[in-house]
Amino acid sequence: MIFAEALDRYGREVSARKLGAQSEVYRLGTIRKSPIASLPLAEVTPEAVARYRDDRAAEVSASSVRNELSLIRRTLEEARLSWGFALPVNSASAVTPPPPGPERTRRVGDRELTGLLAELEGSPVVKALVNFALLTALPRRELLSLDWGQIDRSAGLLSVPASANRPGRHVPLTDKALAVLESLEGREGPVFPVDACALRWAWGQACARAGIRDLRFQDLRHEGCLRLFEAGLSVPEVAAMTGLRNPSLIFRGDSASADELREKLKLVHRGSTVGPA
């Protein structure tokens, strides 16, 4: 078996069962186009994986390289443990991934959002998806797999089913979020009938026409989280609603200023016996 065949099999048997199948299959396709994919499994050595890492590092972000290396490692591990291939070690495990890049702090300004939505007038489904993403702070994979059967409009709830590594949860929907859903046609099948590739193309075109730089669709998720905090929700509440489990992914964007913190501390300690008598 050459590595390309292993990547295909991993996509069919493993990735297809995941909630984020589209993104992972797309990433598998990227790896499949590289020289490493033409090697027999036994020749996917640490040196070959390291060459792949270095070549990709010259083209994409450290985060993308880390994700692709993780996928290579998981594919080789599946071949070793589940498919019966005599690979004594997982070659990718011996390769050091690039260090994470600087934490992203990009926020979505109101003027940017207005310009972006104006450019999406001709794509009503994508426009609704952008609005709904910002209002709910749901990840792209959950948005693209969302089905009308998960929506209870009378209760104002969205049900997210459990996945292999995440428990199920219920997401409350505001009146604005419900209004976005009401603007869509149809009440069966996918809520947002668009795939990841079409979304990526529409997003890129709209950002280019609006003159918006360095804005990613996933930035809507983190902007939505920050707006939930600004509305007064706590960390556990935001985590329960959005499914984010790593607090460091929530705390992005502008930090509170010293003056803002000072005013909040005044309220916290008002009437307290702590401090000088």
Protein backbone atom coordinates (compact mmCIF):
# COMPACT_ATOMS: atom_id res chain seq x y z
CA MET A 1 0.00 0.00 0.00
CA ILE A 2 1.28 3.43 -0.86
CA PHE A 3 0.64 6.27 1.56
CA ALA A 4 -1.97 7.87 -0.72
CA GLU A 5 -4.09 4.71 -0.42
CA ALA A 6 -3.72 4.80 3.36
CA LEU A 7 -4.88 8.42 3.40
CA ASP A 8 -7.91 7.49 1.28
CA ARG A 9 -8.78 4.58 3.58
CA TYR A 10 -8.41 6.76 6.67
CA GLY A 11 -10.77 9.28 5.12
CA ARG A 12 -13.40 6.61 4.38
CA GLU A 13 -13.17 4.66 7.62
CA VAL A 14 -12.19 7.23 10.24
CA SER A 15 -12.69 10.82 9.06
CA ALA A 16 -16.14 10.12 7.63
CA ARG A 17 -17.44 9.30 11.13
CA LYS A 18 -16.34 12.62 12.58
CA LEU A 19 -18.38 15.78 12.93
CA GLY A 20 -15.65 17.75 11.17
CA ALA A 21 -15.35 15.25 8.31
CA GLN A 22 -15.33 17.85 5.52
CA SER A 23 -12.38 19.77 6.91
CA GLU A 24 -10.38 16.63 7.64
CA VAL A 25 -11.04 15.11 4.22
CA TYR A 26 -9.95 18.40 2.63
CA ARG A 27 -6.72 18.26 4.66
CA LEU A 28 -6.17 14.63 3.62
CA GLY A 29 -6.51 15.74 0.01
CA THR A 30 -3.81 18.36 0.55
CA ILE A 31 -1.40 15.75 1.94
CA ARG A 32 -2.28 13.41 -0.93
CA LYS A 33 -0.99 15.95 -3.47
CA SER A 34 2.50 15.99 -1.92
CA PRO A 35 5.45 13.70 -2.83
CA ILE A 36 5.13 11.80 0.47
CA ALA A 37 1.81 10.35 -0.73
CA SER A 38 3.54 8.34 -3.49
CA LEU A 39 5.78 6.48 -1.04
CA PRO A 40 5.06 2.92 0.14
CA LEU A 41 4.05 2.87 3.78
CA ALA A 42 7.36 1.34 4.83
CA GLU A 43 9.21 4.28 3.24
CA VAL A 44 7.28 6.98 5.10
CA THR A 45 10.29 7.50 7.35
CA PRO A 46 10.92 10.28 9.87
CA GLU A 47 13.11 11.92 7.24
CA ALA A 48 10.26 11.87 4.71
CA VAL A 49 7.81 13.33 7.22
CA ALA A 50 10.36 16.00 8.21
CA ARG A 51 10.78 16.98 4.54
CA TYR A 52 7.00 17.28 4.26
CA ARG A 53 6.96 19.48 7.37
CA ASP A 54 9.68 21.79 6.07
CA ASP A 55 8.14 22.09 2.60
CA ARG A 56 4.72 22.95 4.01
CA ALA A 57 6.16 25.39 6.54
CA ALA A 58 7.34 27.50 3.62
CA GLU A 59 3.78 27.67 2.26
CA VAL A 60 1.28 27.74 5.14
CA SER A 61 0.99 28.69 8.81
CA ALA A 62 2.52 26.71 11.66
CA SER A 63 -0.99 25.79 12.79
CA SER A 64 -1.79 24.21 9.42
CA VAL A 65 1.47 22.26 9.41
CA ARG A 66 0.79 20.98 12.93
CA ASN A 67 -2.70 19.83 11.93
CA GLU A 68 -1.39 18.03 8.86
CA LEU A 69 1.40 16.31 10.79
CA SER A 70 -1.14 15.16 13.35
CA LEU A 71 -3.23 13.67 10.55
CA ILE A 72 -0.20 11.88 9.07
CA ARG A 73 0.60 10.45 12.49
CA ARG A 74 -2.98 9.26 13.07
CA THR A 75 -3.13 7.64 9.61
CA LEU A 76 0.11 5.73 10.23
CA GLU A 77 -1.10 4.68 13.68
CA GLU A 78 -4.34 3.36 12.21
CA ALA A 79 -2.33 1.37 9.65
CA ARG A 80 -0.15 -0.11 12.40
CA LEU A 81 -2.81 -0.95 14.97
CA SER A 82 -6.00 -1.55 13.00
CA TRP A 83 -5.06 -2.52 9.44
CA GLY A 84 -2.31 -5.03 10.23
CA PHE A 85 0.62 -3.38 8.46
CA ALA A 86 4.01 -4.34 9.88
CA LEU A 87 5.26 -0.88 10.80
CA PRO A 88 7.49 -1.20 13.88
CA VAL A 89 7.15 2.47 14.84
CA ASN A 90 5.07 5.48 13.87
CA SER A 91 7.54 7.58 11.90
CA ALA A 92 5.54 10.79 12.35
CA SER A 93 5.82 10.50 16.14
CA ALA A 94 9.57 11.11 15.84
CA VAL A 95 9.13 14.39 13.95
CA THR A 96 8.96 17.61 15.95
CA PRO A 97 6.12 19.85 14.76
CA PRO A 98 6.78 23.57 14.30
CA PRO A 99 6.07 25.67 17.40
CA PRO A 100 2.63 27.29 17.54
CA GLY A 101 2.46 30.70 15.96
CA PRO A 102 1.51 33.82 17.92
CA GLU A 103 -1.98 33.76 19.35
CA ARG A 104 -4.48 35.31 16.98
CA THR A 105 -6.20 38.43 18.32
CA ARG A 106 -8.21 39.47 15.25
CA ARG A 107 -11.61 40.96 16.04
CA VAL A 108 -14.46 41.68 13.65
CA GLY A 109 -15.37 45.37 13.48
CA ASP A 110 -18.94 46.54 12.92
CA ARG A 111 -17.98 48.38 9.73
CA GLU A 112 -16.22 45.27 8.41
CA LEU A 113 -19.25 43.15 9.20
CA THR A 114 -21.59 45.61 7.47
CA GLY A 115 -19.39 45.64 4.36
CA LEU A 116 -19.07 41.86 4.35
CA LEU A 117 -22.82 41.29 4.65
CA ALA A 118 -23.47 43.81 1.88
CA GLU A 119 -21.19 41.83 -0.43
CA LEU A 120 -23.05 38.64 0.45
CA GLU A 121 -26.46 39.95 -0.62
CA GLY A 122 -26.29 37.72 -3.66
CA SER A 123 -25.56 34.65 -1.49
CA PRO A 124 -28.41 34.65 1.05
CA VAL A 125 -27.48 31.27 2.56
CA VAL A 126 -23.88 32.32 3.22
CA LYS A 127 -25.06 35.69 4.54
CA ALA A 128 -27.42 33.93 6.97
CA LEU A 129 -24.61 31.54 7.95
CA VAL A 130 -22.28 34.46 8.77
CA ASN A 131 -24.94 36.13 10.92
CA PHE A 132 -25.83 32.89 12.68
CA ALA A 133 -22.15 32.07 13.32
CA LEU A 134 -21.62 35.42 15.01
CA LEU A 135 -24.80 35.12 17.10
CA THR A 136 -24.17 31.56 18.31
CA ALA A 137 -20.35 31.26 18.23
CA LEU A 138 -20.73 27.70 16.93
CA PRO A 139 -17.80 26.09 15.09
CA ARG A 140 -17.94 25.84 11.32
CA ARG A 141 -18.24 22.04 11.31
CA GLU A 142 -21.38 22.20 13.49
CA LEU A 143 -22.88 24.97 11.39
CA LEU A 144 -22.33 23.14 8.10
CA SER A 145 -23.75 19.89 9.49
CA LEU A 146 -26.74 21.58 11.15
CA ASP A 147 -30.08 19.97 10.26
CA TRP A 148 -33.56 21.43 10.70
CA GLY A 149 -34.39 18.48 12.95
CA GLN A 150 -31.97 19.93 15.52
CA ILE A 151 -33.94 23.18 15.77
CA ASP A 152 -36.81 23.62 18.24
CA ARG A 153 -38.14 27.06 17.31
CA SER A 154 -40.92 27.04 19.90
CA ALA A 155 -38.44 26.41 22.72
CA GLY A 156 -35.73 28.55 21.14
CA LEU A 157 -33.17 25.74 21.34
CA LEU A 158 -30.64 24.15 19.04
CA SER A 159 -29.55 20.59 19.90
CA VAL A 160 -25.97 19.59 19.13
CA PRO A 161 -25.58 15.79 19.14
CA ALA A 162 -22.77 14.07 21.00
CA SER A 163 -19.70 13.14 18.97
CA ALA A 164 -16.78 10.82 19.58
CA ASN A 165 -15.00 13.30 21.82
CA ARG A 166 -17.71 15.81 22.80
CA PRO A 167 -20.91 15.49 24.81
CA GLY A 168 -24.17 16.71 23.33
CA ARG A 169 -25.53 20.08 24.41
CA HIS A 170 -28.47 22.47 23.97
CA VAL A 171 -27.76 25.97 22.68
CA PRO A 172 -30.29 28.73 23.46
CA LEU A 173 -31.22 30.86 20.47
CA THR A 174 -31.88 34.57 20.78
CA ASP A 175 -34.66 36.32 18.89
CA LYS A 176 -32.05 37.56 16.39
CA ALA A 177 -30.76 34.03 15.80
CA LEU A 178 -34.31 32.75 15.31
CA ALA A 179 -34.97 35.59 12.87
CA VAL A 180 -31.96 34.48 10.82
CA LEU A 181 -33.43 30.98 10.62
CA GLU A 182 -36.83 32.36 9.62
CA SER A 183 -35.19 34.16 6.70
CA LEU A 184 -34.16 30.84 5.16
CA GLU A 185 -36.25 28.79 2.77
CA GLY A 186 -37.11 25.16 3.50
CA ARG A 187 -37.56 23.35 6.79
CA GLU A 188 -36.05 19.97 5.98
CA GLY A 189 -32.49 18.76 5.50
CA PRO A 190 -29.45 21.00 6.03
CA VAL A 191 -30.16 24.42 7.51
CA PHE A 192 -27.29 25.92 5.51
CA PRO A 193 -27.04 23.91 2.26
CA VAL A 194 -23.46 24.86 1.41
CA ASP A 195 -20.25 22.83 1.70
CA ALA A 196 -16.88 23.90 3.08
CA CYS A 197 -15.36 24.58 -0.34
CA ALA A 198 -18.26 26.76 -1.49
CA LEU A 199 -18.19 28.65 1.81
CA ARG A 200 -14.44 29.23 1.53
CA TRP A 201 -14.85 30.61 -2.00
CA ALA A 202 -17.82 32.87 -1.15
CA TRP A 203 -16.06 34.15 1.99
CA GLY A 204 -12.85 34.96 0.11
CA GLN A 205 -14.69 36.72 -2.71
CA ALA A 206 -16.81 38.81 -0.32
CA CYS A 207 -13.81 39.84 1.78
CA ALA A 208 -11.86 40.83 -1.33
CA ARG A 209 -14.71 42.94 -2.72
CA ALA A 210 -15.23 44.61 0.68
CA GLY A 211 -11.51 45.33 1.02
CA ILE A 212 -11.24 43.25 4.21
CA ARG A 213 -7.85 41.70 4.92
CA ASP A 214 -6.78 38.87 7.21
CA LEU A 215 -10.27 37.85 8.28
CA ARG A 216 -11.11 34.16 8.60
CA PHE A 217 -14.49 32.55 8.97
CA GLN A 218 -13.42 31.04 12.30
CA ASP A 219 -12.80 34.56 13.60
CA LEU A 220 -16.60 34.86 13.80
CA ARG A 221 -16.62 32.14 16.46
CA HIS A 222 -14.16 33.92 18.70
CA GLU A 223 -15.78 37.29 18.10
CA GLY A 224 -19.10 35.73 19.09
CA CYS A 225 -17.55 34.40 22.30
CA LEU A 226 -16.13 37.81 23.18
CA ARG A 227 -19.50 39.45 22.59
CA LEU A 228 -21.12 36.89 24.90
CA PHE A 229 -18.63 37.86 27.60
CA GLU A 230 -19.33 41.52 26.98
CA ALA A 231 -23.02 40.73 27.45
CA GLY A 232 -22.23 39.41 30.92
CA LEU A 233 -22.04 35.62 30.45
CA SER A 234 -19.53 33.69 32.57
CA VAL A 235 -16.78 31.38 31.32
CA PRO A 236 -18.77 28.20 32.14
CA GLU A 237 -21.85 29.65 30.43
CA VAL A 238 -19.95 30.55 27.27
CA ALA A 239 -18.21 27.17 27.24
CA ALA A 240 -21.54 25.34 27.68
CA MET A 241 -23.15 27.29 24.85
CA THR A 242 -20.31 27.23 22.32
CA GLY A 243 -18.68 23.88 23.07
CA LEU A 244 -15.27 25.46 23.63
CA ARG A 245 -13.33 23.43 26.16
CA ASN A 246 -10.02 25.30 26.17
CA PRO A 247 -10.36 28.64 28.00
CA SER A 248 -7.33 30.01 26.13
CA LEU A 249 -9.39 29.83 22.93
CA ILE A 250 -12.07 31.97 24.53
CA PHE A 251 -9.88 34.71 25.91
CA ARG A 252 -8.89 36.43 22.67
CA GLY A 253 -9.16 39.95 21.47
CA ASP A 254 -9.04 43.15 23.45
CA SER A 255 -8.36 42.88 27.15
CA ALA A 256 -10.09 45.05 29.67
CA SER A 257 -8.22 48.27 30.39
CA ALA A 258 -6.82 49.09 33.81
CA ASP A 259 -9.51 51.75 34.29
CA GLU A 260 -12.28 49.25 33.48
CA LEU A 261 -10.84 46.73 35.91
CA ARG A 262 -10.46 49.39 38.61
CA GLU A 263 -14.13 50.36 38.33
CA LYS A 264 -15.21 46.71 38.53
CA LEU A 265 -13.03 46.15 41.59
CA LYS A 266 -14.67 49.12 43.30
CA LEU A 267 -18.02 47.36 42.92
CA VAL A 268 -16.61 44.04 44.12
CA HIS A 269 -15.07 45.47 47.28
CA ARG A 270 -17.79 48.02 48.12
CA GLY A 271 -18.84 47.46 51.70
CA SER A 272 -16.13 44.84 52.27
CA THR A 273 -14.22 44.73 55.54
CA VAL A 274 -11.01 43.88 53.66
CA GLY A 275 -8.35 46.59 53.91
CA PRO A 276 -7.41 49.28 56.45
CA ALA A 277 -9.99 50.02 59.14
